[in-house]
C-alpha atoms as a PDB file:
ATOM      1  CA  MET A   1       0.000   0.000   0.000  1.00  0.00           C
ATOM      2  CA  GLU A   2       1.330   3.427  -0.970  1.00  0.00           C
ATOM      3  CA  ARG A   3       1.918   5.658   2.012  1.00  0.00           C
ATOM      4  CA  SER A   4       1.032   9.348   2.245  1.00  0.00           C
ATOM      5  CA  LYS A   5       2.978  11.794   4.379  1.00  0.00           C
ATOM      6  CA  LEU A   6       1.373  13.366   7.418  1.00  0.00           C
ATOM      7  CA  TYR A   7       3.273  16.509   8.413  1.00  0.00           C
ATOM      8  CA  ILE A   8       2.883  17.364  12.099  1.00  0.00           C
ATOM      9  CA  VAL A   9       3.671  20.570  13.978  1.00  0.00           C
ATOM     10  CA  SER A  10       3.552  20.445  17.778  1.00  0.00           C
ATOM     11  CA  GLY A  11       2.601  23.215  20.215  1.00  0.00           C
ATOM     12  CA  LEU A  12       4.416  26.380  21.205  1.00  0.00           C
ATOM     13  CA  GLY A  13       7.774  25.381  22.651  1.00  0.00           C
ATOM     14  CA  ALA A  14       6.807  21.714  22.492  1.00  0.00           C
ATOM     15  CA  ASP A  15       8.516  18.888  20.657  1.00  0.00           C
ATOM     16  CA  PHE A  16       7.050  15.555  19.573  1.00  0.00           C
ATOM     17  CA  LYS A  17       6.877  14.198  23.148  1.00  0.00           C
ATOM     18  CA  VAL A  18       3.432  15.638  23.783  1.00  0.00           C
ATOM     19  CA  LEU A  19       2.184  13.653  20.760  1.00  0.00           C
ATOM     20  CA  GLN A  20       4.442  10.614  21.003  1.00  0.00           C
ATOM     21  CA  HIS A  21       1.744   8.227  22.266  1.00  0.00           C
ATOM     22  CA  LEU A  22      -0.664   8.931  19.421  1.00  0.00           C
ATOM     23  CA  ARG A  23      -1.126   6.119  16.919  1.00  0.00           C
ATOM     24  CA  PHE A  24      -1.810   6.694  13.230  1.00  0.00           C
ATOM     25  CA  PRO A  25      -3.010   4.422  10.412  1.00  0.00           C
ATOM     26  CA  ASP A  26      -0.265   2.394   8.731  1.00  0.00           C
ATOM     27  CA  HIS A  27      -0.810   4.097   5.385  1.00  0.00           C
ATOM     28  CA  LEU A  28       0.577   7.358   6.826  1.00  0.00           C
ATOM     29  CA  GLU A  29       4.252   8.256   6.988  1.00  0.00           C
ATOM     30  CA  ILE A  30       4.734  10.620   9.931  1.00  0.00           C
ATOM     31  CA  VAL A  31       6.985  13.637   9.411  1.00  0.00           C
ATOM     32  CA  PHE A  32       7.487  16.028  12.335  1.00  0.00           C
ATOM     33  CA  LEU A  33       8.264  19.608  11.370  1.00  0.00           C
ATOM     34  CA  ASP A  34      10.444  20.924  14.183  1.00  0.00           C
ATOM     35  CA  TRP A  35      10.058  24.552  15.150  1.00  0.00           C
ATOM     36  CA  LEU A  36      12.449  26.996  13.531  1.00  0.00           C
ATOM     37  CA  ILE A  37      13.806  29.941  15.511  1.00  0.00           C
ATOM     38  CA  PRO A  38      12.340  33.127  14.013  1.00  0.00           C
ATOM     39  CA  GLU A  39      14.735  35.606  12.518  1.00  0.00           C
ATOM     40  CA  GLU A  40      14.919  39.028  14.156  1.00  0.00           C
ATOM     41  CA  ASP A  41      11.687  40.939  13.392  1.00  0.00           C
ATOM     42  CA  GLU A  42      10.554  38.187  11.007  1.00  0.00           C
ATOM     43  CA  SER A  43       6.969  38.445   9.781  1.00  0.00           C
ATOM     44  CA  PHE A  44       4.561  35.569  10.342  1.00  0.00           C
ATOM     45  CA  ASP A  45       4.143  35.135   6.578  1.00  0.00           C
ATOM     46  CA  SER A  46       7.886  34.755   6.139  1.00  0.00           C
ATOM     47  CA  TYR A  47       8.078  32.260   8.976  1.00  0.00           C
ATOM     48  CA  VAL A  48       5.214  30.184   7.567  1.00  0.00           C
ATOM     49  CA  GLN A  49       6.973  30.070   4.218  1.00  0.00           C
ATOM     50  CA  ARG A  50      10.144  28.750   5.844  1.00  0.00           C
ATOM     51  CA  MET A  51       8.215  26.083   7.748  1.00  0.00           C
ATOM     52  CA  ALA A  52       6.274  25.146   4.612  1.00  0.00           C
ATOM     53  CA  ALA A  53       9.455  24.772   2.573  1.00  0.00           C
ATOM     54  CA  ARG A  54       9.935  21.321   4.078  1.00  0.00           C
ATOM     55  CA  VAL A  55       6.556  20.090   2.816  1.00  0.00           C
ATOM     56  CA  ASP A  56       6.856  18.053  -0.373  1.00  0.00           C
ATOM     57  CA  VAL A  57       3.990  18.849  -2.751  1.00  0.00           C
ATOM     58  CA  SER A  58       5.024  16.341  -5.408  1.00  0.00           C
ATOM     59  CA  GLU A  59       2.501  13.917  -3.891  1.00  0.00           C
ATOM     60  CA  PRO A  60      -0.685  14.297  -1.806  1.00  0.00           C
ATOM     61  CA  PHE A  61      -0.135  14.878   1.897  1.00  0.00           C
ATOM     62  CA  TYR A  62      -1.928  15.649   5.163  1.00  0.00           C
ATOM     63  CA  LEU A  63      -1.314  18.253   7.873  1.00  0.00           C
ATOM     64  CA  LEU A  64      -1.847  18.010  11.632  1.00  0.00           C
ATOM     65  CA  GLY A  65      -1.073  20.643  14.246  1.00  0.00           C
ATOM     66  CA  TYR A  66      -1.356  20.884  18.003  1.00  0.00           C
ATOM     67  CA  SER A  67      -2.089  24.181  19.805  1.00  0.00           C
ATOM     68  CA  PHE A  68      -0.083  26.956  18.068  1.00  0.00           C
ATOM     69  CA  GLY A  69       0.973  24.260  15.606  1.00  0.00           C
ATOM     70  CA  GLY A  70      -2.704  24.035  14.641  1.00  0.00           C
ATOM     71  CA  ILE A  71      -2.654  27.672  13.634  1.00  0.00           C
ATOM     72  CA  LEU A  72       0.577  27.181  11.742  1.00  0.00           C
ATOM     73  CA  VAL A  73      -0.615  24.181   9.686  1.00  0.00           C
ATOM     74  CA  GLN A  74      -3.675  26.147   8.626  1.00  0.00           C
ATOM     75  CA  GLU A  75      -1.370  28.862   7.303  1.00  0.00           C
ATOM     76  CA  ILE A  76       0.817  26.265   5.578  1.00  0.00           C
ATOM     77  CA  ASN A  77      -2.341  24.861   3.990  1.00  0.00           C
ATOM     78  CA  ARG A  78      -3.004  28.236   2.374  1.00  0.00           C
ATOM     79  CA  LEU A  79       0.360  27.969   0.612  1.00  0.00           C
ATOM     80  CA  LYS A  80       0.383  24.235   0.019  1.00  0.00           C
ATOM     81  CA  PRO A  81      -3.113  22.726   0.171  1.00  0.00           C
ATOM     82  CA  ALA A  82      -3.300  19.353   1.913  1.00  0.00           C
ATOM     83  CA  LYS A  83      -5.730  16.471   1.449  1.00  0.00           C
ATOM     84  CA  ARG A  84      -6.897  17.125   4.986  1.00  0.00           C
ATOM     85  CA  VAL A  85      -5.981  19.430   7.873  1.00  0.00           C
ATOM     86  CA  VAL A  86      -6.525  18.325  11.480  1.00  0.00           C
ATOM     87  CA  ILE A  87      -5.974  20.524  14.527  1.00  0.00           C
ATOM     88  CA  LEU A  88      -5.732  19.347  18.139  1.00  0.00           C
ATOM     89  CA  GLY A  89      -6.313  21.792  21.005  1.00  0.00           C
ATOM     90  CA  SER A  90      -6.332  24.712  18.594  1.00  0.00           C
ATOM     91  CA  ILE A  91      -8.696  27.171  16.926  1.00  0.00           C
ATOM     92  CA  LYS A  92     -10.125  27.368  13.412  1.00  0.00           C
ATOM     93  CA  SER A  93     -10.329  31.153  13.260  1.00  0.00           C
ATOM     94  CA  SER A  94      -9.414  34.300  15.138  1.00  0.00           C
ATOM     95  CA  ASP A  95     -13.070  34.563  16.228  1.00  0.00           C
ATOM     96  CA  GLU A  96     -12.449  31.610  18.569  1.00  0.00           C
ATOM     97  CA  LYS A  97      -9.784  33.327  20.659  1.00  0.00           C
ATOM     98  CA  SER A  98     -10.238  33.423  24.424  1.00  0.00           C
ATOM     99  CA  ARG A  99     -10.833  36.621  26.382  1.00  0.00           C
ATOM    100  CA  LEU A 100      -7.272  36.465  27.669  1.00  0.00           C
ATOM    101  CA  ILE A 101      -5.831  36.337  24.153  1.00  0.00           C
ATOM    102  CA  ARG A 102      -8.123  39.143  22.999  1.00  0.00           C
ATOM    103  CA  PHE A 103      -7.004  41.245  25.955  1.00  0.00           C
ATOM    104  CA  GLY A 104      -3.405  40.567  24.984  1.00  0.00           C
ATOM    105  CA  LYS A 105      -4.076  41.984  21.538  1.00  0.00           C
ATOM    106  CA  LEU A 106      -5.745  45.123  22.861  1.00  0.00           C
ATOM    107  CA  SER A 107      -3.190  45.763  25.600  1.00  0.00           C
ATOM    108  CA  ARG A 108      -0.137  44.622  23.587  1.00  0.00           C
ATOM    109  CA  ILE A 109       1.313  43.315  26.850  1.00  0.00           C
ATOM    110  CA  PRO A 110       2.869  40.178  25.248  1.00  0.00           C
ATOM    111  CA  GLN A 111       4.639  42.302  22.635  1.00  0.00           C
ATOM    112  CA  ASN A 112       5.869  44.866  25.148  1.00  0.00           C
ATOM    113  CA  LEU A 113       7.184  42.490  27.796  1.00  0.00           C
ATOM    114  CA  PRO A 114      10.991  42.388  27.846  1.00  0.00           C
ATOM    115  CA  ARG A 115      12.622  39.343  26.322  1.00  0.00           C
ATOM    116  CA  ARG A 116      14.008  38.293  29.701  1.00  0.00           C
ATOM    117  CA  PHE A 117      10.417  37.632  30.812  1.00  0.00           C
ATOM    118  CA  TYR A 118      10.459  34.604  28.522  1.00  0.00           C
ATOM    119  CA  ASN A 119      13.698  33.102  29.834  1.00  0.00           C
ATOM    120  CA  GLY A 120      14.099  29.654  31.413  1.00  0.00           C
ATOM    121  CA  GLY A 121      13.059  30.748  34.873  1.00  0.00           C
ATOM    122  CA  THR A 122       9.766  32.057  33.573  1.00  0.00           C
ATOM    123  CA  ILE A 123       9.143  28.800  31.732  1.00  0.00           C
ATOM    124  CA  LYS A 124       9.457  26.965  35.048  1.00  0.00           C
ATOM    125  CA  LEU A 125       6.897  29.337  36.565  1.00  0.00           C
ATOM    126  CA  TYR A 126       4.672  28.714  33.540  1.00  0.00           C
ATOM    127  CA  SER A 127       5.095  24.998  34.160  1.00  0.00           C
ATOM    128  CA  TYR A 128       3.887  25.404  37.730  1.00  0.00           C
ATOM    129  CA  PHE A 129       0.683  27.100  36.638  1.00  0.00           C
ATOM    130  CA  ARG A 130       0.075  24.484  33.989  1.00  0.00           C
ATOM    131  CA  LYS A 131       0.176  21.863  36.735  1.00  0.00           C
ATOM    132  CA  LEU A 132      -2.817  23.611  38.222  1.00  0.00           C
ATOM    133  CA  PHE A 133      -4.630  23.138  34.945  1.00  0.00           C
ATOM    134  CA  ASP A 134      -3.622  19.506  34.418  1.00  0.00           C
ATOM    135  CA  ARG A 135      -2.538  17.672  37.552  1.00  0.00           C
ATOM    136  CA  LYS A 136      -2.148  14.418  35.631  1.00  0.00           C
ATOM    137  CA  ASN A 137       1.043  15.820  34.128  1.00  0.00           C
ATOM    138  CA  PRO A 138       3.246  16.850  37.078  1.00  0.00           C
ATOM    139  CA  ARG A 139       6.301  16.617  34.805  1.00  0.00           C
ATOM    140  CA  ILE A 140       4.758  18.951  32.280  1.00  0.00           C
ATOM    141  CA  LEU A 141       8.055  20.703  31.575  1.00  0.00           C
ATOM    142  CA  GLN A 142       9.307  17.626  29.723  1.00  0.00           C
ATOM    143  CA  TYR A 143       6.975  18.501  26.830  1.00  0.00           C
ATOM    144  CA  PHE A 144       8.287  22.044  26.410  1.00  0.00           C
ATOM    145  CA  THR A 145      11.882  21.877  25.261  1.00  0.00           C
ATOM    146  CA  VAL A 146      12.169  24.842  22.862  1.00  0.00           C
ATOM    147  CA  ARG A 147      13.024  27.607  25.331  1.00  0.00           C
ATOM    148  CA  ASP A 148      14.695  30.256  23.223  1.00  0.00           C
ATOM    149  CA  ALA A 149      13.414  33.535  24.720  1.00  0.00           C
ATOM    150  CA  TYR A 150      13.046  35.333  21.390  1.00  0.00           C
ATOM    151  CA  TYR A 151      11.181  32.375  19.861  1.00  0.00           C
ATOM    152  CA  LEU A 152       8.738  32.233  22.791  1.00  0.00           C
ATOM    153  CA  LYS A 153       8.052  35.965  22.809  1.00  0.00           C
ATOM    154  CA  TRP A 154       7.645  36.012  19.028  1.00  0.00           C
ATOM    155  CA  CYS A 155       5.220  33.058  19.052  1.00  0.00           C
ATOM    156  CA  VAL A 156       3.048  34.475  21.828  1.00  0.00           C
ATOM    157  CA  ALA A 157       2.813  37.757  19.919  1.00  0.00           C
ATOM    158  CA  LYS A 158       1.834  35.956  16.697  1.00  0.00           C
ATOM    159  CA  ILE A 159      -0.919  33.984  18.455  1.00  0.00           C
ATOM    160  CA  VAL A 160      -2.312  37.227  19.844  1.00  0.00           C
ATOM    161  CA  GLU A 161      -2.100  38.989  16.465  1.00  0.00           C
ATOM    162  CA  TRP A 162      -3.371  36.106  14.286  1.00  0.00           C
ATOM    163  CA  GLN A 163      -6.377  37.003  12.138  1.00  0.00           C
ATOM    164  CA  ALA A 164      -8.031  34.463   9.855  1.00  0.00           C
ATOM    165  CA  PRO A 165     -11.518  33.376   8.800  1.00  0.00           C
ATOM    166  CA  GLU A 166     -12.702  29.846   9.470  1.00  0.00           C
ATOM    167  CA  ASN A 167     -11.906  27.117   6.970  1.00  0.00           C
ATOM    168  CA  PRO A 168     -14.844  24.683   7.302  1.00  0.00           C
ATOM    169  CA  ASP A 169     -12.770  21.829   5.896  1.00  0.00           C
ATOM    170  CA  VAL A 170     -10.386  21.863   8.877  1.00  0.00           C
ATOM    171  CA  VAL A 171     -11.133  19.039  11.331  1.00  0.00           C
ATOM    172  CA  GLN A 172     -10.980  20.316  14.915  1.00  0.00           C
ATOM    173  CA  ILE A 173     -10.555  18.240  18.098  1.00  0.00           C
ATOM    174  CA  LEU A 174     -10.846  20.047  21.444  1.00  0.00           C
ATOM    175  CA  GLY A 175     -10.892  19.101  25.125  1.00  0.00           C
ATOM    176  CA  ASP A 176     -13.851  20.350  27.135  1.00  0.00           C
ATOM    177  CA  LYS A 177     -11.536  21.356  30.017  1.00  0.00           C
ATOM    178  CA  ASP A 178      -9.130  23.309  27.841  1.00  0.00           C
ATOM    179  CA  ILE A 179      -8.307  26.686  29.395  1.00  0.00           C
ATOM    180  CA  VAL A 180      -6.002  27.887  26.615  1.00  0.00           C
ATOM    181  CA  PHE A 181      -8.642  27.485  23.875  1.00  0.00           C
ATOM    182  CA  PRO A 182     -11.997  27.113  25.686  1.00  0.00           C
ATOM    183  CA  LEU A 183     -14.612  24.839  24.143  1.00  0.00           C
ATOM    184  CA  LYS A 184     -17.332  27.481  24.507  1.00  0.00           C
ATOM    185  CA  ASN A 185     -15.664  29.601  21.818  1.00  0.00           C
ATOM    186  CA  SER A 186     -15.651  26.839  19.198  1.00  0.00           C
ATOM    187  CA  LYS A 187     -17.812  24.222  17.515  1.00  0.00           C
ATOM    188  CA  PRO A 188     -15.325  21.370  17.124  1.00  0.00           C
ATOM    189  CA  ASP A 189     -15.895  18.214  15.134  1.00  0.00           C
ATOM    190  CA  TYR A 190     -14.824  16.086  18.098  1.00  0.00           C
ATOM    191  CA  VAL A 191     -14.813  16.781  21.837  1.00  0.00           C
ATOM    192  CA  ILE A 192     -12.575  14.992  24.339  1.00  0.00           C
ATOM    193  CA  ARG A 193     -14.582  14.807  27.553  1.00  0.00           C
ATOM    194  CA  GLY A 194     -12.460  15.723  30.550  1.00  0.00           C
ATOM    195  CA  GLY A 195      -9.607  16.712  28.249  1.00  0.00           C
ATOM    196  CA  THR A 196      -7.366  19.621  29.232  1.00  0.00           C
ATOM    197  CA  HIS A 197      -5.079  21.401  26.799  1.00  0.00           C
ATOM    198  CA  LEU A 198      -2.742  18.428  27.105  1.00  0.00           C
ATOM    199  CA  PHE A 199      -5.344  15.883  26.005  1.00  0.00           C
ATOM    200  CA  PRO A 200      -3.149  14.490  23.175  1.00  0.00           C
ATOM    201  CA  ALA A 201      -0.898  13.148  25.956  1.00  0.00           C
ATOM    202  CA  THR A 202      -3.484  12.322  28.628  1.00  0.00           C
ATOM    203  CA  ARG A 203      -6.199  10.911  26.351  1.00  0.00           C
ATOM    204  CA  HIS A 204      -4.010   9.547  23.576  1.00  0.00           C
ATOM    205  CA  LYS A 205      -5.967   6.298  23.105  1.00  0.00           C
ATOM    206  CA  GLU A 206      -9.243   8.132  22.531  1.00  0.00           C
ATOM    207  CA  VAL A 207      -7.563  10.660  20.248  1.00  0.00           C
ATOM    208  CA  SER A 208      -5.874   7.864  18.279  1.00  0.00           C
ATOM    209  CA  GLN A 209      -9.250   6.226  17.658  1.00  0.00           C
ATOM    210  CA  ILE A 210     -10.646   9.494  16.342  1.00  0.00           C
ATOM    211  CA  LEU A 211      -7.611  10.036  14.119  1.00  0.00           C
ATOM    212  CA  ALA A 212      -8.053   6.526  12.709  1.00  0.00           C
ATOM    213  CA  LYS A 213     -11.562   7.516  11.581  1.00  0.00           C
ATOM    214  CA  ILE A 214     -10.463  10.856  10.184  1.00  0.00           C
ATOM    215  CA  PHE A 215      -7.616   9.399   8.167  1.00  0.00           C
ATOM    216  CA  ALA A 216      -9.405   6.235   7.061  1.00  0.00           C
ATOM    217  CA  GLU A 217      -8.669   5.922   3.346  1.00  0.00           C
ATOM    218  CA  LYS A 218     -12.158   4.836   2.353  1.00  0.00           C
ATOM    219  CA  SER A 219     -14.021   7.483   4.370  1.00  0.00           C
ATOM    220  CA  SER A 220     -15.114  10.708   2.757  1.00  0.00           C
ATOM    221  CA  PHE A 221     -15.172  13.902   4.753  1.00  0.00           C
ATOM    222  CA  SER A 222     -18.975  14.077   4.449  1.00  0.00           C
ATOM    223  CA  GLU A 223     -19.298  10.598   5.950  1.00  0.00           C
ATOM    224  CA  GLU A 224     -17.094  11.615   8.852  1.00  0.00           C
ATOM    225  CA  ASN A 225     -19.198  14.708   9.473  1.00  0.00           C
ATOM    226  CA  GLU A 226     -22.247  12.512   9.892  1.00  0.00           C
ATOM    227  CA  GLN A 227     -20.433  10.454  12.531  1.00  0.00           C
ATOM    228  CA  LYS A 228     -18.576  13.232  14.304  1.00  0.00           C
ATOM    229  CA  HIS A 229     -18.653  13.388  18.094  1.00  0.00           C
ATOM    230  CA  LYS A 230     -20.278  16.402  19.645  1.00  0.00           C
END
């Protein structure tokens, strides 16, 4: 059986570990797109182009993104359309942003914070607060390994600034306990009950079953919509 590539982008500062327990159909060849460090004052469009450069369009492919990676794969899809785009713990449009993110845009606090705010010590503090949101992952810091201060500040600013209409063809999976991207702001195709923002790690078996349906070769997107989990 011929295999198709599935390009995956993880969350802000996260590597593949947060997604390592997910299982995909055998007909998919998994390719992780590691985060690049943004160039000084690089635009989001330029960054997306550099990330997309590693996507081979000579054959059909799929895209999957987690958290900020979900935003990024949607932008890559605008440059290099995929057979299907799936986002985990992410948003389909800027209309789905939380109040906190909207406040960040209005106040410009993320952009104006000094770079030192995003250094390693702050990441540890961030880790502590994330424990409050997901106690099942006391070693949460192990998932967040990209700790370059400029990269982190740049990414937070781009999340806050991101503006895009909804693409109805994007398949969205959200946890109903997600604080980063609250369920109430979205109408996802699939809901992980009891899932926090880290549901790809904590509920990987359930997510893997959903992904098996989404990427089933013989299933059309319309058929999946009829069977989607609300």
